[in-house]
Amino acid sequence: MQMINFISGLLALCAGVFAIVAAVGVLRFPDVMTRMHASSKVASFAGALALLAAALDIGTLSATTRAVFAILFIFLTAPIGAHLLGRAAAWRRRMN
């Protein structure tokens, strides 16, 4: 039982570190495209790690199934959202 708590804590810590890296990237990167990259790629990975940590800590099949479906949803929708944001930024840049 202690090993599961250690692994879920490590996953949660890694999720927090990746979320902080994504936030710093959004603040520090110079243009819209690089900020979008930091917010979509790294933040979705941090969310997946946090969901895995929660599923491992809860330890039931129901929690694991829900976490897997949520991770799949995040990995399917984050690139689409980033693509649409990039297109909108490119369109706005052309209009100015």
C-alpha atoms as a PDB file:
ATOM      1  CA  MET A   1       0.000   0.000   0.000  1.00  0.00           C
ATOM      2  CA  GLN A   2       2.852   2.397   0.735  1.00  0.00           C
ATOM      3  CA  MET A   3       4.351   1.894  -2.711  1.00  0.00           C
ATOM      4  CA  ILE A   4       1.067   2.858  -4.402  1.00  0.00           C
ATOM      5  CA  ASN A   5       0.892   6.028  -2.306  1.00  0.00           C
ATOM      6  CA  PHE A   6       4.485   6.844  -3.201  1.00  0.00           C
ATOM      7  CA  ILE A   7       3.896   6.339  -6.933  1.00  0.00           C
ATOM      8  CA  SER A   8       0.665   8.353  -6.949  1.00  0.00           C
ATOM      9  CA  GLY A   9       2.396  11.136  -5.022  1.00  0.00           C
ATOM     10  CA  LEU A  10       5.269  11.109  -7.491  1.00  0.00           C
ATOM     11  CA  LEU A  11       2.842  11.296 -10.417  1.00  0.00           C
ATOM     12  CA  ALA A  12       1.003  14.196  -8.766  1.00  0.00           C
ATOM     13  CA  LEU A  13       4.291  15.988  -8.140  1.00  0.00           C
ATOM     14  CA  CYS A  14       5.338  15.510 -11.771  1.00  0.00           C
ATOM     15  CA  ALA A  15       1.939  16.833 -12.875  1.00  0.00           C
ATOM     16  CA  GLY A  16       2.473  19.943 -10.777  1.00  0.00           C
ATOM     17  CA  VAL A  17       5.964  20.485 -12.164  1.00  0.00           C
ATOM     18  CA  PHE A  18       4.731  20.154 -15.739  1.00  0.00           C
ATOM     19  CA  ALA A  19       1.834  22.534 -15.023  1.00  0.00           C
ATOM     20  CA  ILE A  20       4.270  25.117 -13.661  1.00  0.00           C
ATOM     21  CA  VAL A  21       6.503  24.667 -16.725  1.00  0.00           C
ATOM     22  CA  ALA A  22       3.478  25.235 -18.977  1.00  0.00           C
ATOM     23  CA  ALA A  23       2.506  28.375 -17.055  1.00  0.00           C
ATOM     24  CA  VAL A  24       6.037  29.757 -17.260  1.00  0.00           C
ATOM     25  CA  GLY A  25       6.074  28.980 -20.978  1.00  0.00           C
ATOM     26  CA  VAL A  26       2.843  30.874 -21.517  1.00  0.00           C
ATOM     27  CA  LEU A  27       4.246  33.869 -19.660  1.00  0.00           C
ATOM     28  CA  ARG A  28       7.735  33.864 -21.182  1.00  0.00           C
ATOM     29  CA  PHE A  29       7.329  32.819 -24.822  1.00  0.00           C
ATOM     30  CA  PRO A  30       7.335  35.719 -27.278  1.00  0.00           C
ATOM     31  CA  ASP A  31       4.498  35.015 -29.707  1.00  0.00           C
ATOM     32  CA  VAL A  32       1.099  33.373 -29.917  1.00  0.00           C
ATOM     33  CA  MET A  33       2.215  30.175 -31.630  1.00  0.00           C
ATOM     34  CA  THR A  34       4.847  29.243 -29.064  1.00  0.00           C
ATOM     35  CA  ARG A  35       2.531  30.161 -26.183  1.00  0.00           C
ATOM     36  CA  MET A  36      -0.138  27.970 -27.700  1.00  0.00           C
ATOM     37  CA  HIS A  37       2.333  25.105 -27.934  1.00  0.00           C
ATOM     38  CA  ALA A  38       3.215  25.405 -24.255  1.00  0.00           C
ATOM     39  CA  SER A  39      -0.360  25.606 -23.131  1.00  0.00           C
ATOM     40  CA  SER A  40      -1.728  22.723 -25.174  1.00  0.00           C
ATOM     41  CA  LYS A  41       1.029  20.120 -25.202  1.00  0.00           C
ATOM     42  CA  VAL A  42       2.550  20.422 -21.759  1.00  0.00           C
ATOM     43  CA  ALA A  43      -0.681  21.176 -19.920  1.00  0.00           C
ATOM     44  CA  SER A  44      -2.463  18.194 -21.432  1.00  0.00           C
ATOM     45  CA  PHE A  45       0.416  15.969 -20.326  1.00  0.00           C
ATOM     46  CA  ALA A  46       0.217  17.439 -16.818  1.00  0.00           C
ATOM     47  CA  GLY A  47      -3.520  16.775 -16.728  1.00  0.00           C
ATOM     48  CA  ALA A  48      -2.950  13.187 -17.797  1.00  0.00           C
ATOM     49  CA  LEU A  49      -0.398  12.681 -15.039  1.00  0.00           C
ATOM     50  CA  ALA A  50      -2.776  14.148 -12.455  1.00  0.00           C
ATOM     51  CA  LEU A  51      -5.587  11.873 -13.607  1.00  0.00           C
ATOM     52  CA  LEU A  52      -3.298   8.850 -13.455  1.00  0.00           C
ATOM     53  CA  ALA A  53      -2.253   9.812  -9.936  1.00  0.00           C
ATOM     54  CA  ALA A  54      -5.879  10.131  -8.850  1.00  0.00           C
ATOM     55  CA  ALA A  55      -6.853   6.811 -10.438  1.00  0.00           C
ATOM     56  CA  LEU A  56      -3.927   5.058  -8.802  1.00  0.00           C
ATOM     57  CA  ASP A  57      -4.685   6.601  -5.424  1.00  0.00           C
ATOM     58  CA  ILE A  58      -8.382   5.693  -5.552  1.00  0.00           C
ATOM     59  CA  GLY A  59      -7.557   2.244  -6.857  1.00  0.00           C
ATOM     60  CA  THR A  60     -10.930   1.130  -8.193  1.00  0.00           C
ATOM     61  CA  LEU A  61     -11.728  -0.059 -11.690  1.00  0.00           C
ATOM     62  CA  SER A  62     -14.342   2.658 -12.054  1.00  0.00           C
ATOM     63  CA  ALA A  63     -11.860   5.424 -11.241  1.00  0.00           C
ATOM     64  CA  THR A  64      -9.268   3.956 -13.588  1.00  0.00           C
ATOM     65  CA  THR A  65     -11.772   3.666 -16.436  1.00  0.00           C
ATOM     66  CA  ARG A  66     -12.950   7.229 -15.955  1.00  0.00           C
ATOM     67  CA  ALA A  67      -9.377   8.499 -15.819  1.00  0.00           C
ATOM     68  CA  VAL A  68      -8.467   6.672 -19.030  1.00  0.00           C
ATOM     69  CA  PHE A  69     -11.501   8.099 -20.839  1.00  0.00           C
ATOM     70  CA  ALA A  70     -10.726  11.596 -19.551  1.00  0.00           C
ATOM     71  CA  ILE A  71      -7.107  11.289 -20.713  1.00  0.00           C
ATOM     72  CA  LEU A  72      -8.253  10.149 -24.155  1.00  0.00           C
ATOM     73  CA  PHE A  73     -10.656  13.089 -24.283  1.00  0.00           C
ATOM     74  CA  ILE A  74      -7.907  15.538 -23.351  1.00  0.00           C
ATOM     75  CA  PHE A  75      -5.482  14.106 -25.905  1.00  0.00           C
ATOM     76  CA  LEU A  76      -8.129  14.257 -28.626  1.00  0.00           C
ATOM     77  CA  THR A  77      -9.417  17.755 -27.933  1.00  0.00           C
ATOM     78  CA  ALA A  78      -6.257  19.678 -26.945  1.00  0.00           C
ATOM     79  CA  PRO A  79      -4.622  19.482 -30.410  1.00  0.00           C
ATOM     80  CA  ILE A  80      -7.886  20.494 -32.099  1.00  0.00           C
ATOM     81  CA  GLY A  81      -8.261  23.480 -29.803  1.00  0.00           C
ATOM     82  CA  ALA A  82      -4.643  24.489 -30.348  1.00  0.00           C
ATOM     83  CA  HIS A  83      -5.086  24.204 -34.110  1.00  0.00           C
ATOM     84  CA  LEU A  84      -8.168  26.427 -34.042  1.00  0.00           C
ATOM     85  CA  LEU A  85      -6.418  28.983 -31.834  1.00  0.00           C
ATOM     86  CA  GLY A  86      -3.464  29.010 -34.220  1.00  0.00           C
ATOM     87  CA  ARG A  87      -5.722  29.543 -37.212  1.00  0.00           C
ATOM     88  CA  ALA A  88      -7.517  32.384 -35.447  1.00  0.00           C
ATOM     89  CA  ALA A  89      -4.194  34.021 -34.521  1.00  0.00           C
ATOM     90  CA  ALA A  90      -2.926  33.686 -38.092  1.00  0.00           C
ATOM     91  CA  TRP A  91      -6.172  35.107 -39.456  1.00  0.00           C
ATOM     92  CA  ARG A  92      -6.042  38.033 -37.051  1.00  0.00           C
ATOM     93  CA  ARG A  93      -2.406  38.718 -37.968  1.00  0.00           C
ATOM     94  CA  ARG A  94      -3.368  38.839 -41.664  1.00  0.00           C
ATOM     95  CA  MET A  95      -6.220  41.258 -40.976  1.00  0.00           C
ATOM     96  CA  ASN A  96      -3.985  43.799 -39.214  1.00  0.00           C
END
